[in-house]
Amino acid sequence: QWHIIAVFIVALFIIQIGFTNLILSVIVDGAASTREEDATLKQREKEKQEEEDLKHFLGIMKRIDLDGSGSISIEELMQGYEQDEETQFMLMELGLDERDLKK
């Protein structure tokens, strides 16, 4: 009779481990799905920010194109750098300063 009880206890233990494994796999799958959605959202936000930055950059370039030719001469770029703080900040963000522009 103790053999039957031992088999029963082992069977319950195995079933309990199986259910625990099943629950854990559902939790892990949900976390992986959420992480994937979060990465996609961050990528979209990054692309949107890059688009806005590009529009802003083009707006600055149009503003310092004084003759309206559609291209910027070194003189226009220098003048924009000297007179427009936003142009100066943008060029500094790109790692350029007045010395680089004069080269």
PDB file of N, CA and C in Angstrom:
ATOM      1  N   GLN A   1       0.798  -1.193   0.000  1.00  0.00           N
ATOM      2  CA  GLN A   1       0.000   0.000   0.000  1.00  0.00           C
ATOM      3  C   GLN A   1       0.859   1.284   0.000  1.00  0.00           C
ATOM      4  N   TRP A   2       2.000   1.276   0.615  1.00  0.00           N
ATOM      5  CA  TRP A   2       2.858   2.454   0.619  1.00  0.00           C
ATOM      6  C   TRP A   2       3.408   2.721  -0.780  1.00  0.00           C
ATOM      7  N   HIS A   3       3.485   1.667  -1.642  1.00  0.00           N
ATOM      8  CA  HIS A   3       3.938   1.846  -3.022  1.00  0.00           C
ATOM      9  C   HIS A   3       2.954   2.720  -3.811  1.00  0.00           C
ATOM     10  N   ILE A   4       1.705   2.504  -3.564  1.00  0.00           N
ATOM     11  CA  ILE A   4       0.669   3.286  -4.247  1.00  0.00           C
ATOM     12  C   ILE A   4       0.740   4.750  -3.803  1.00  0.00           C
ATOM     13  N   ILE A   5       0.945   4.964  -2.520  1.00  0.00           N
ATOM     14  CA  ILE A   5       1.046   6.333  -1.997  1.00  0.00           C
ATOM     15  C   ILE A   5       2.278   7.026  -2.584  1.00  0.00           C
ATOM     16  N   ALA A   6       3.408   6.339  -2.691  1.00  0.00           N
ATOM     17  CA  ALA A   6       4.636   6.913  -3.242  1.00  0.00           C
ATOM     18  C   ALA A   6       4.436   7.291  -4.709  1.00  0.00           C
ATOM     19  N   VAL A   7       3.801   6.405  -5.476  1.00  0.00           N
ATOM     20  CA  VAL A   7       3.528   6.691  -6.881  1.00  0.00           C
ATOM     21  C   VAL A   7       2.603   7.900  -6.996  1.00  0.00           C
ATOM     22  N   PHE A   8       1.600   7.950  -6.151  1.00  0.00           N
ATOM     23  CA  PHE A   8       0.651   9.062  -6.159  1.00  0.00           C
ATOM     24  C   PHE A   8       1.358  10.387  -5.839  1.00  0.00           C
ATOM     25  N   ILE A   9       2.234  10.389  -4.853  1.00  0.00           N
ATOM     26  CA  ILE A   9       2.966  11.597  -4.459  1.00  0.00           C
ATOM     27  C   ILE A   9       3.894  12.051  -5.596  1.00  0.00           C
ATOM     28  N   VAL A  10       4.599  11.097  -6.214  1.00  0.00           N
ATOM     29  CA  VAL A  10       5.482  11.429  -7.332  1.00  0.00           C
ATOM     30  C   VAL A  10       4.670  11.994  -8.503  1.00  0.00           C
ATOM     31  N   ALA A  11       3.522  11.399  -8.788  1.00  0.00           N
ATOM     32  CA  ALA A  11       2.668  11.873  -9.879  1.00  0.00           C
ATOM     33  C   ALA A  11       2.181  13.295  -9.597  1.00  0.00           C
ATOM     34  N   LEU A  12       1.768  13.585  -8.382  1.00  0.00           N
ATOM     35  CA  LEU A  12       1.331  14.936  -8.024  1.00  0.00           C
ATOM     36  C   LEU A  12       2.476  15.942  -8.160  1.00  0.00           C
ATOM     37  N   PHE A  13       3.673  15.518  -7.739  1.00  0.00           N
ATOM     38  CA  PHE A  13       4.837  16.392  -7.847  1.00  0.00           C
ATOM     39  C   PHE A  13       5.147  16.724  -9.313  1.00  0.00           C
ATOM     40  N   ILE A  14       5.104  15.730 -10.173  1.00  0.00           N
ATOM     41  CA  ILE A  14       5.374  15.939 -11.596  1.00  0.00           C
ATOM     42  C   ILE A  14       4.310  16.829 -12.233  1.00  0.00           C
ATOM     43  N   ILE A  15       3.059  16.628 -11.871  1.00  0.00           N
ATOM     44  CA  ILE A  15       1.976  17.460 -12.398  1.00  0.00           C
ATOM     45  C   ILE A  15       2.142  18.907 -11.938  1.00  0.00           C
ATOM     46  N   GLN A  16       2.525  19.087 -10.662  1.00  0.00           N
ATOM     47  CA  GLN A  16       2.738  20.438 -10.130  1.00  0.00           C
ATOM     48  C   GLN A  16       3.870  21.144 -10.878  1.00  0.00           C
ATOM     49  N   ILE A  17       4.949  20.447 -11.135  1.00  0.00           N
ATOM     50  CA  ILE A  17       6.067  21.035 -11.885  1.00  0.00           C
ATOM     51  C   ILE A  17       5.617  21.384 -13.307  1.00  0.00           C
ATOM     52  N   GLY A  18       4.815  20.529 -13.916  1.00  0.00           N
ATOM     53  CA  GLY A  18       4.301  20.795 -15.259  1.00  0.00           C
ATOM     54  C   GLY A  18       3.454  22.057 -15.306  1.00  0.00           C
ATOM     55  N   PHE A  19       2.551  22.216 -14.349  1.00  0.00           N
ATOM     56  CA  PHE A  19       1.712  23.416 -14.301  1.00  0.00           C
ATOM     57  C   PHE A  19       2.547  24.669 -14.036  1.00  0.00           C
ATOM     58  N   THR A  20       3.522  24.560 -13.143  1.00  0.00           N
ATOM     59  CA  THR A  20       4.396  25.694 -12.870  1.00  0.00           C
ATOM     60  C   THR A  20       5.158  26.096 -14.126  1.00  0.00           C
ATOM     61  N   ASN A  21       5.641  25.119 -14.866  1.00  0.00           N
ATOM     62  CA  ASN A  21       6.354  25.378 -16.117  1.00  0.00           C
ATOM     63  C   ASN A  21       5.437  26.039 -17.136  1.00  0.00           C
ATOM     64  N   LEU A  22       4.211  25.597 -17.229  1.00  0.00           N
ATOM     65  CA  LEU A  22       3.243  26.179 -18.156  1.00  0.00           C
ATOM     66  C   LEU A  22       2.959  27.640 -17.811  1.00  0.00           C
ATOM     67  N   ILE A  23       2.746  27.928 -16.549  1.00  0.00           N
ATOM     68  CA  ILE A  23       2.482  29.297 -16.113  1.00  0.00           C
ATOM     69  C   ILE A  23       3.687  30.193 -16.377  1.00  0.00           C
ATOM     70  N   LEU A  24       4.869  29.693 -16.081  1.00  0.00           N
ATOM     71  CA  LEU A  24       6.079  30.453 -16.318  1.00  0.00           C
ATOM     72  C   LEU A  24       6.276  30.754 -17.805  1.00  0.00           C
ATOM     73  N   SER A  25       5.975  29.807 -18.655  1.00  0.00           N
ATOM     74  CA  SER A  25       6.141  30.032 -20.093  1.00  0.00           C
ATOM     75  C   SER A  25       5.169  31.098 -20.599  1.00  0.00           C
ATOM     76  N   VAL A  26       3.970  31.155 -20.060  1.00  0.00           N
ATOM     77  CA  VAL A  26       3.007  32.195 -20.442  1.00  0.00           C
ATOM     78  C   VAL A  26       3.518  33.570 -20.013  1.00  0.00           C
ATOM     79  N   ILE A  27       4.070  33.649 -18.808  1.00  0.00           N
ATOM     80  CA  ILE A  27       4.602  34.919 -18.307  1.00  0.00           C
ATOM     81  C   ILE A  27       5.782  35.385 -19.160  1.00  0.00           C
ATOM     82  N   VAL A  28       6.691  34.484 -19.461  1.00  0.00           N
ATOM     83  CA  VAL A  28       7.869  34.836 -20.263  1.00  0.00           C
ATOM     84  C   VAL A  28       7.460  35.251 -21.668  1.00  0.00           C
ATOM     85  N   ASP A  29       6.511  34.562 -22.256  1.00  0.00           N
ATOM     86  CA  ASP A  29       6.036  34.909 -23.596  1.00  0.00           C
ATOM     87  C   ASP A  29       5.401  36.302 -23.605  1.00  0.00           C
ATOM     88  N   GLY A  30       4.625  36.600 -22.577  1.00  0.00           N
ATOM     89  CA  GLY A  30       4.014  37.931 -22.475  1.00  0.00           C
ATOM     90  C   GLY A  30       5.059  39.024 -22.336  1.00  0.00           C
ATOM     91  N   ALA A  31       6.093  38.767 -21.533  1.00  0.00           N
ATOM     92  CA  ALA A  31       7.164  39.750 -21.360  1.00  0.00           C
ATOM     93  C   ALA A  31       7.928  39.960 -22.665  1.00  0.00           C
ATOM     94  N   ALA A  32       8.190  38.891 -23.404  1.00  0.00           N
ATOM     95  CA  ALA A  32       8.910  39.009 -24.683  1.00  0.00           C
ATOM     96  C   ALA A  32       8.089  39.808 -25.685  1.00  0.00           C
ATOM     97  N   SER A  33       6.784  39.566 -25.708  1.00  0.00           N
ATOM     98  CA  SER A  33       5.905  40.289 -26.621  1.00  0.00           C
ATOM     99  C   SER A  33       5.888  41.787 -26.279  1.00  0.00           C
ATOM    100  N   THR A  34       5.812  42.102 -25.001  1.00  0.00           N
ATOM    101  CA  THR A  34       5.812  43.495 -24.564  1.00  0.00           C
ATOM    102  C   THR A  34       7.128  44.174 -24.908  1.00  0.00           C
ATOM    103  N   ARG A  35       8.238  43.474 -24.721  1.00  0.00           N
ATOM    104  CA  ARG A  35       9.548  44.033 -25.034  1.00  0.00           C
ATOM    105  C   ARG A  35       9.657  44.333 -26.533  1.00  0.00           C
ATOM    106  N   GLU A  36       9.134  43.449 -27.349  1.00  0.00           N
ATOM    107  CA  GLU A  36       9.171  43.638 -28.801  1.00  0.00           C
ATOM    108  C   GLU A  36       8.345  44.859 -29.211  1.00  0.00           C
ATOM    109  N   GLU A  37       7.159  45.007 -28.621  1.00  0.00           N
ATOM    110  CA  GLU A  37       6.313  46.167 -28.918  1.00  0.00           C
ATOM    111  C   GLU A  37       6.994  47.460 -28.480  1.00  0.00           C
ATOM    112  N   ASP A  38       7.664  47.411 -27.321  1.00  0.00           N
ATOM    113  CA  ASP A  38       8.367  48.582 -26.807  1.00  0.00           C
ATOM    114  C   ASP A  38       9.506  48.981 -27.732  1.00  0.00           C
ATOM    115  N   ALA A  39      10.236  48.012 -28.237  1.00  0.00           N
ATOM    116  CA  ALA A  39      11.340  48.308 -29.167  1.00  0.00           C
ATOM    117  C   ALA A  39      10.812  48.928 -30.450  1.00  0.00           C
ATOM    118  N   THR A  40       9.682  48.435 -30.943  1.00  0.00           N
ATOM    119  CA  THR A  40       9.073  48.990 -32.154  1.00  0.00           C
ATOM    120  C   THR A  40       8.636  50.431 -31.919  1.00  0.00           C
ATOM    121  N   LEU A  41       8.030  50.690 -30.773  1.00  0.00           N
ATOM    122  CA  LEU A  41       7.588  52.041 -30.429  1.00  0.00           C
ATOM    123  C   LEU A  41       8.773  52.995 -30.324  1.00  0.00           C
ATOM    124  N   LYS A  42       9.851  52.551 -29.684  1.00  0.00           N
ATOM    125  CA  LYS A  42      11.040  53.400 -29.566  1.00  0.00           C
ATOM    126  C   LYS A  42      11.629  53.699 -30.939  1.00  0.00           C
ATOM    127  N   GLN A  43      11.626  52.727 -31.835  1.00  0.00           N
ATOM    128  CA  GLN A  43      12.152  52.938 -33.179  1.00  0.00           C
ATOM    129  C   GLN A  43      11.317  53.971 -33.927  1.00  0.00           C
ATOM    130  N   ARG A  44       9.988  53.887 -33.797  1.00  0.00           N
ATOM    131  CA  ARG A  44       9.107  54.864 -34.447  1.00  0.00           C
ATOM    132  C   ARG A  44       9.354  56.276 -33.907  1.00  0.00           C
ATOM    133  N   GLU A  45       9.505  56.379 -32.584  1.00  0.00           N
ATOM    134  CA  GLU A  45       9.760  57.680 -31.973  1.00  0.00           C
ATOM    135  C   GLU A  45      11.092  58.254 -32.453  1.00  0.00           C
ATOM    136  N   LYS A  46      12.098  57.396 -32.570  1.00  0.00           N
ATOM    137  CA  LYS A  46      13.408  57.838 -33.046  1.00  0.00           C
ATOM    138  C   LYS A  46      13.316  58.339 -34.487  1.00  0.00           C
ATOM    139  N   GLU A  47      12.592  57.612 -35.341  1.00  0.00           N
ATOM    140  CA  GLU A  47      12.425  58.027 -36.732  1.00  0.00           C
ATOM    141  C   GLU A  47      11.678  59.352 -36.813  1.00  0.00           C
ATOM    142  N   LYS A  48      10.658  59.519 -35.990  1.00  0.00           N
ATOM    143  CA  LYS A  48       9.895  60.772 -35.979  1.00  0.00           C
ATOM    144  C   LYS A  48      10.776  61.933 -35.542  1.00  0.00           C
ATOM    145  N   GLN A  49      11.610  61.713 -34.522  1.00  0.00           N
ATOM    146  CA  GLN A  49      12.508  62.759 -34.047  1.00  0.00           C
ATOM    147  C   GLN A  49      13.530  63.117 -35.119  1.00  0.00           C
ATOM    148  N   GLU A  50      14.052  62.111 -35.819  1.00  0.00           N
ATOM    149  CA  GLU A  50      15.014  62.382 -36.895  1.00  0.00           C
ATOM    150  C   GLU A  50      14.371  63.194 -38.010  1.00  0.00           C
ATOM    151  N   GLU A  51      13.112  62.886 -38.321  1.00  0.00           N
ATOM    152  CA  GLU A  51      12.381  63.646 -39.340  1.00  0.00           C
ATOM    153  C   GLU A  51      12.227  65.106 -38.927  1.00  0.00           C
ATOM    154  N   GLU A  52      11.842  65.325 -37.666  1.00  0.00           N
ATOM    155  CA  GLU A  52      11.678  66.688 -37.159  1.00  0.00           C
ATOM    156  C   GLU A  52      13.006  67.435 -37.155  1.00  0.00           C
ATOM    157  N   ASP A  53      14.079  66.753 -36.773  1.00  0.00           N
ATOM    158  CA  ASP A  53      15.396  67.382 -36.761  1.00  0.00           C
ATOM    159  C   ASP A  53      15.823  67.768 -38.174  1.00  0.00           C
ATOM    160  N   LEU A  54      15.530  66.901 -39.133  1.00  0.00           N
ATOM    161  CA  LEU A  54      15.888  67.201 -40.522  1.00  0.00           C
ATOM    162  C   LEU A  54      15.104  68.409 -41.033  1.00  0.00           C
ATOM    163  N   LYS A  55      13.810  68.475 -40.731  1.00  0.00           N
ATOM    164  CA  LYS A  55      12.998  69.636 -41.142  1.00  0.00           C
ATOM    165  C   LYS A  55      13.547  70.915 -40.521  1.00  0.00           C
ATOM    166  N   HIS A  56      13.916  70.829 -39.254  1.00  0.00           N
ATOM    167  CA  HIS A  56      14.466  71.985 -38.554  1.00  0.00           C
ATOM    168  C   HIS A  56      15.786  72.416 -39.196  1.00  0.00           C
ATOM    169  N   PHE A  57      16.635  71.446 -39.494  1.00  0.00           N
ATOM    170  CA  PHE A  57      17.919  71.721 -40.141  1.00  0.00           C
ATOM    171  C   PHE A  57      17.713  72.397 -41.502  1.00  0.00           C
ATOM    172  N   LEU A  58      16.784  71.864 -42.295  1.00  0.00           N
ATOM    173  CA  LEU A  58      16.520  72.451 -43.614  1.00  0.00           C
ATOM    174  C   LEU A  58      15.962  73.867 -43.491  1.00  0.00           C
ATOM    175  N   GLY A  59      15.147  74.094 -42.458  1.00  0.00           N
ATOM    176  CA  GLY A  59      14.632  75.446 -42.213  1.00  0.00           C
ATOM    177  C   GLY A  59      15.741  76.424 -41.906  1.00  0.00           C
ATOM    178  N   ILE A  60      16.707  75.993 -41.102  1.00  0.00           N
ATOM    179  CA  ILE A  60      17.849  76.850 -40.788  1.00  0.00           C
ATOM    180  C   ILE A  60      18.661  77.117 -42.050  1.00  0.00           C
ATOM    181  N   MET A  61      18.879  76.091 -42.839  1.00  0.00           N
ATOM    182  CA  MET A  61      19.655  76.263 -44.069  1.00  0.00           C
ATOM    183  C   MET A  61      18.966  77.229 -45.036  1.00  0.00           C
ATOM    184  N   LYS A  62      17.643  77.143 -45.140  1.00  0.00           N
ATOM    185  CA  LYS A  62      16.906  78.083 -46.004  1.00  0.00           C
ATOM    186  C   LYS A  62      17.029  79.500 -45.481  1.00  0.00           C
ATOM    187  N   ARG A  63      17.019  79.648 -44.169  1.00  0.00           N
ATOM    188  CA  ARG A  63      17.091  80.970 -43.564  1.00  0.00           C
ATOM    189  C   ARG A  63      18.457  81.622 -43.815  1.00  0.00           C
ATOM    190  N   ILE A  64      19.529  80.834 -43.801  1.00  0.00           N
ATOM    191  CA  ILE A  64      20.847  81.451 -44.008  1.00  0.00           C
ATOM    192  C   ILE A  64      21.235  81.534 -45.489  1.00  0.00           C
ATOM    193  N   ASP A  65      20.405  80.975 -46.371  1.00  0.00           N
ATOM    194  CA  ASP A  65      20.621  81.113 -47.818  1.00  0.00           C
ATOM    195  C   ASP A  65      20.094  82.484 -48.238  1.00  0.00           C
ATOM    196  N   LEU A  66      20.932  83.472 -48.064  1.00  0.00           N
ATOM    197  CA  LEU A  66      20.494  84.862 -48.241  1.00  0.00           C
ATOM    198  C   LEU A  66      20.120  85.209 -49.669  1.00  0.00           C
ATOM    199  N   ASP A  67      20.804  84.667 -50.652  1.00  0.00           N
ATOM    200  CA  ASP A  67      20.495  85.010 -52.041  1.00  0.00           C
ATOM    201  C   ASP A  67      19.400  84.123 -52.635  1.00  0.00           C
ATOM    202  N   GLY A  68      18.927  83.156 -51.873  1.00  0.00           N
ATOM    203  CA  GLY A  68      17.832  82.297 -52.332  1.00  0.00           C
ATOM    204  C   GLY A  68      18.198  81.377 -53.476  1.00  0.00           C
ATOM    205  N   SER A  69      19.461  81.070 -53.620  1.00  0.00           N
ATOM    206  CA  SER A  69      19.921  80.246 -54.738  1.00  0.00           C
ATOM    207  C   SER A  69      19.649  78.749 -54.541  1.00  0.00           C
ATOM    208  N   GLY A  70      19.351  78.358 -53.324  1.00  0.00           N
ATOM    209  CA  GLY A  70      19.137  76.934 -53.053  1.00  0.00           C
ATOM    210  C   GLY A  70      20.409  76.225 -52.633  1.00  0.00           C
ATOM    211  N   SER A  71      21.501  76.954 -52.644  1.00  0.00           N
ATOM    212  CA  SER A  71      22.763  76.414 -52.125  1.00  0.00           C
ATOM    213  C   SER A  71      23.384  77.470 -51.216  1.00  0.00           C
ATOM    214  N   ILE A  72      24.238  77.006 -50.317  1.00  0.00           N
ATOM    215  CA  ILE A  72      24.810  77.917 -49.325  1.00  0.00           C
ATOM    216  C   ILE A  72      26.299  78.070 -49.610  1.00  0.00           C
ATOM    217  N   SER A  73      26.697  79.298 -49.787  1.00  0.00           N
ATOM    218  CA  SER A  73      28.128  79.569 -49.986  1.00  0.00           C
ATOM    219  C   SER A  73      28.811  79.571 -48.622  1.00  0.00           C
ATOM    220  N   ILE A  74      30.119  79.500 -48.632  1.00  0.00           N
ATOM    221  CA  ILE A  74      30.869  79.536 -47.373  1.00  0.00           C
ATOM    222  C   ILE A  74      30.661  80.866 -46.667  1.00  0.00           C
ATOM    223  N   GLU A  75      30.484  81.925 -47.454  1.00  0.00           N
ATOM    224  CA  GLU A  75      30.239  83.244 -46.861  1.00  0.00           C
ATOM    225  C   GLU A  75      28.891  83.264 -46.134  1.00  0.00           C
ATOM    226  N   GLU A  76      27.869  82.707 -46.774  1.00  0.00           N
ATOM    227  CA  GLU A  76      26.542  82.649 -46.142  1.00  0.00           C
ATOM    228  C   GLU A  76      26.584  81.794 -44.882  1.00  0.00           C
ATOM    229  N   LEU A  77      27.330  80.700 -44.939  1.00  0.00           N
ATOM    230  CA  LEU A  77      27.450  79.832 -43.776  1.00  0.00           C
ATOM    231  C   LEU A  77      28.172  80.553 -42.641  1.00  0.00           C
ATOM    232  N   MET A  78      29.234  81.256 -42.947  1.00  0.00           N
ATOM    233  CA  MET A  78      29.968  82.013 -41.928  1.00  0.00           C
ATOM    234  C   MET A  78      29.096  83.120 -41.339  1.00  0.00           C
ATOM    235  N   GLN A  79      28.376  83.815 -42.212  1.00  0.00           N
ATOM    236  CA  GLN A  79      27.507  84.893 -41.741  1.00  0.00           C
ATOM    237  C   GLN A  79      26.392  84.325 -40.854  1.00  0.00           C
ATOM    238  N   GLY A  80      25.827  83.208 -41.277  1.00  0.00           N
ATOM    239  CA  GLY A  80      24.802  82.560 -40.454  1.00  0.00           C
ATOM    240  C   GLY A  80      25.361  82.124 -39.116  1.00  0.00           C
ATOM    241  N   TYR A  81      26.580  81.619 -39.131  1.00  0.00           N
ATOM    242  CA  TYR A  81      27.222  81.185 -37.881  1.00  0.00           C
ATOM    243  C   TYR A  81      27.454  82.365 -36.949  1.00  0.00           C
ATOM    244  N   GLU A  82      27.886  83.476 -37.506  1.00  0.00           N
ATOM    245  CA  GLU A  82      28.217  84.647 -36.693  1.00  0.00           C
ATOM    246  C   GLU A  82      26.971  85.368 -36.180  1.00  0.00           C
ATOM    247  N   GLN A  83      25.874  85.366 -36.965  1.00  0.00           N
ATOM    248  CA  GLN A  83      24.719  86.182 -36.622  1.00  0.00           C
ATOM    249  C   GLN A  83      23.543  85.410 -36.036  1.00  0.00           C
ATOM    250  N   ASP A  84      23.501  84.120 -36.236  1.00  0.00           N
ATOM    251  CA  ASP A  84      22.328  83.343 -35.825  1.00  0.00           C
ATOM    252  C   ASP A  84      22.729  82.301 -34.785  1.00  0.00           C
ATOM    253  N   GLU A  85      22.227  82.469 -33.554  1.00  0.00           N
ATOM    254  CA  GLU A  85      22.573  81.544 -32.470  1.00  0.00           C
ATOM    255  C   GLU A  85      22.120  80.117 -32.774  1.00  0.00           C
ATOM    256  N   GLU A  86      20.993  79.988 -33.419  1.00  0.00           N
ATOM    257  CA  GLU A  86      20.472  78.659 -33.732  1.00  0.00           C
ATOM    258  C   GLU A  86      21.389  77.918 -34.713  1.00  0.00           C
ATOM    259  N   THR A  87      21.891  78.651 -35.700  1.00  0.00           N
ATOM    260  CA  THR A  87      22.842  78.070 -36.655  1.00  0.00           C
ATOM    261  C   THR A  87      24.116  77.678 -35.922  1.00  0.00           C
ATOM    262  N   GLN A  88      24.566  78.548 -35.047  1.00  0.00           N
ATOM    263  CA  GLN A  88      25.771  78.278 -34.269  1.00  0.00           C
ATOM    264  C   GLN A  88      25.586  77.020 -33.417  1.00  0.00           C
ATOM    265  N   PHE A  89      24.458  76.923 -32.751  1.00  0.00           N
ATOM    266  CA  PHE A  89      24.180  75.756 -31.908  1.00  0.00           C
ATOM    267  C   PHE A  89      24.121  74.482 -32.754  1.00  0.00           C
ATOM    268  N   MET A  90      23.435  74.557 -33.900  1.00  0.00           N
ATOM    269  CA  MET A  90      23.297  73.387 -34.770  1.00  0.00           C
ATOM    270  C   MET A  90      24.662  72.904 -35.245  1.00  0.00           C
ATOM    271  N   LEU A  91      25.515  73.839 -35.664  1.00  0.00           N
ATOM    272  CA  LEU A  91      26.846  73.455 -36.137  1.00  0.00           C
ATOM    273  C   LEU A  91      27.701  72.905 -35.001  1.00  0.00           C
ATOM    274  N   MET A  92      27.541  73.452 -33.810  1.00  0.00           N
ATOM    275  CA  MET A  92      28.263  72.914 -32.651  1.00  0.00           C
ATOM    276  C   MET A  92      27.809  71.486 -32.335  1.00  0.00           C
ATOM    277  N   GLU A  93      26.515  71.236 -32.486  1.00  0.00           N
ATOM    278  CA  GLU A  93      25.986  69.877 -32.279  1.00  0.00           C
ATOM    279  C   GLU A  93      26.584  68.899 -33.277  1.00  0.00           C
ATOM    280  N   LEU A  94      26.917  69.396 -34.463  1.00  0.00           N
ATOM    281  CA  LEU A  94      27.546  68.566 -35.487  1.00  0.00           C
ATOM    282  C   LEU A  94      29.059  68.477 -35.300  1.00  0.00           C
ATOM    283  N   GLY A  95      29.569  69.165 -34.276  1.00  0.00           N
ATOM    284  CA  GLY A  95      30.998  69.119 -33.989  1.00  0.00           C
ATOM    285  C   GLY A  95      31.813  70.115 -34.791  1.00  0.00           C
ATOM    286  N   LEU A  96      31.155  71.152 -35.295  1.00  0.00           N
ATOM    287  CA  LEU A  96      31.841  72.165 -36.092  1.00  0.00           C
ATOM    288  C   LEU A  96      31.881  73.474 -35.334  1.00  0.00           C
ATOM    289  N   ASP A  97      33.012  74.153 -35.396  1.00  0.00           N
ATOM    290  CA  ASP A  97      33.095  75.484 -34.825  1.00  0.00           C
ATOM    291  C   ASP A  97      33.642  76.448 -35.872  1.00  0.00           C
ATOM    292  N   GLU A  98      33.899  77.672 -35.471  1.00  0.00           N
ATOM    293  CA  GLU A  98      34.310  78.708 -36.413  1.00  0.00           C
ATOM    294  C   GLU A  98      35.624  78.332 -37.121  1.00  0.00           C
ATOM    295  N   ARG A  99      36.533  77.714 -36.398  1.00  0.00           N
ATOM    296  CA  ARG A  99      37.816  77.314 -37.003  1.00  0.00           C
ATOM    297  C   ARG A  99      37.596  76.322 -38.137  1.00  0.00           C
ATOM    298  N   ASP A 100      36.655  75.386 -37.944  1.00  0.00           N
ATOM    299  CA  ASP A 100      36.369  74.390 -38.993  1.00  0.00           C
ATOM    300  C   ASP A 100      35.789  75.051 -40.235  1.00  0.00           C
ATOM    301  N   LEU A 101      34.971  76.059 -40.044  1.00  0.00           N
ATOM    302  CA  LEU A 101      34.338  76.733 -41.178  1.00  0.00           C
ATOM    303  C   LEU A 101      35.343  77.552 -41.981  1.00  0.00           C
ATOM    304  N   LYS A 102      36.376  78.021 -41.322  1.00  0.00           N
ATOM    305  CA  LYS A 102      37.376  78.863 -42.009  1.00  0.00           C
ATOM    306  C   LYS A 102      38.406  78.031 -42.765  1.00  0.00           C
ATOM    307  N   LYS A 103      38.453  76.744 -42.519  1.00  0.00           N
ATOM    308  CA  LYS A 103      39.439  75.881 -43.195  1.00  0.00           C
ATOM    309  C   LYS A 103      39.131  75.714 -44.645  1.00  0.00           C
TER     310      LYS A 103
END
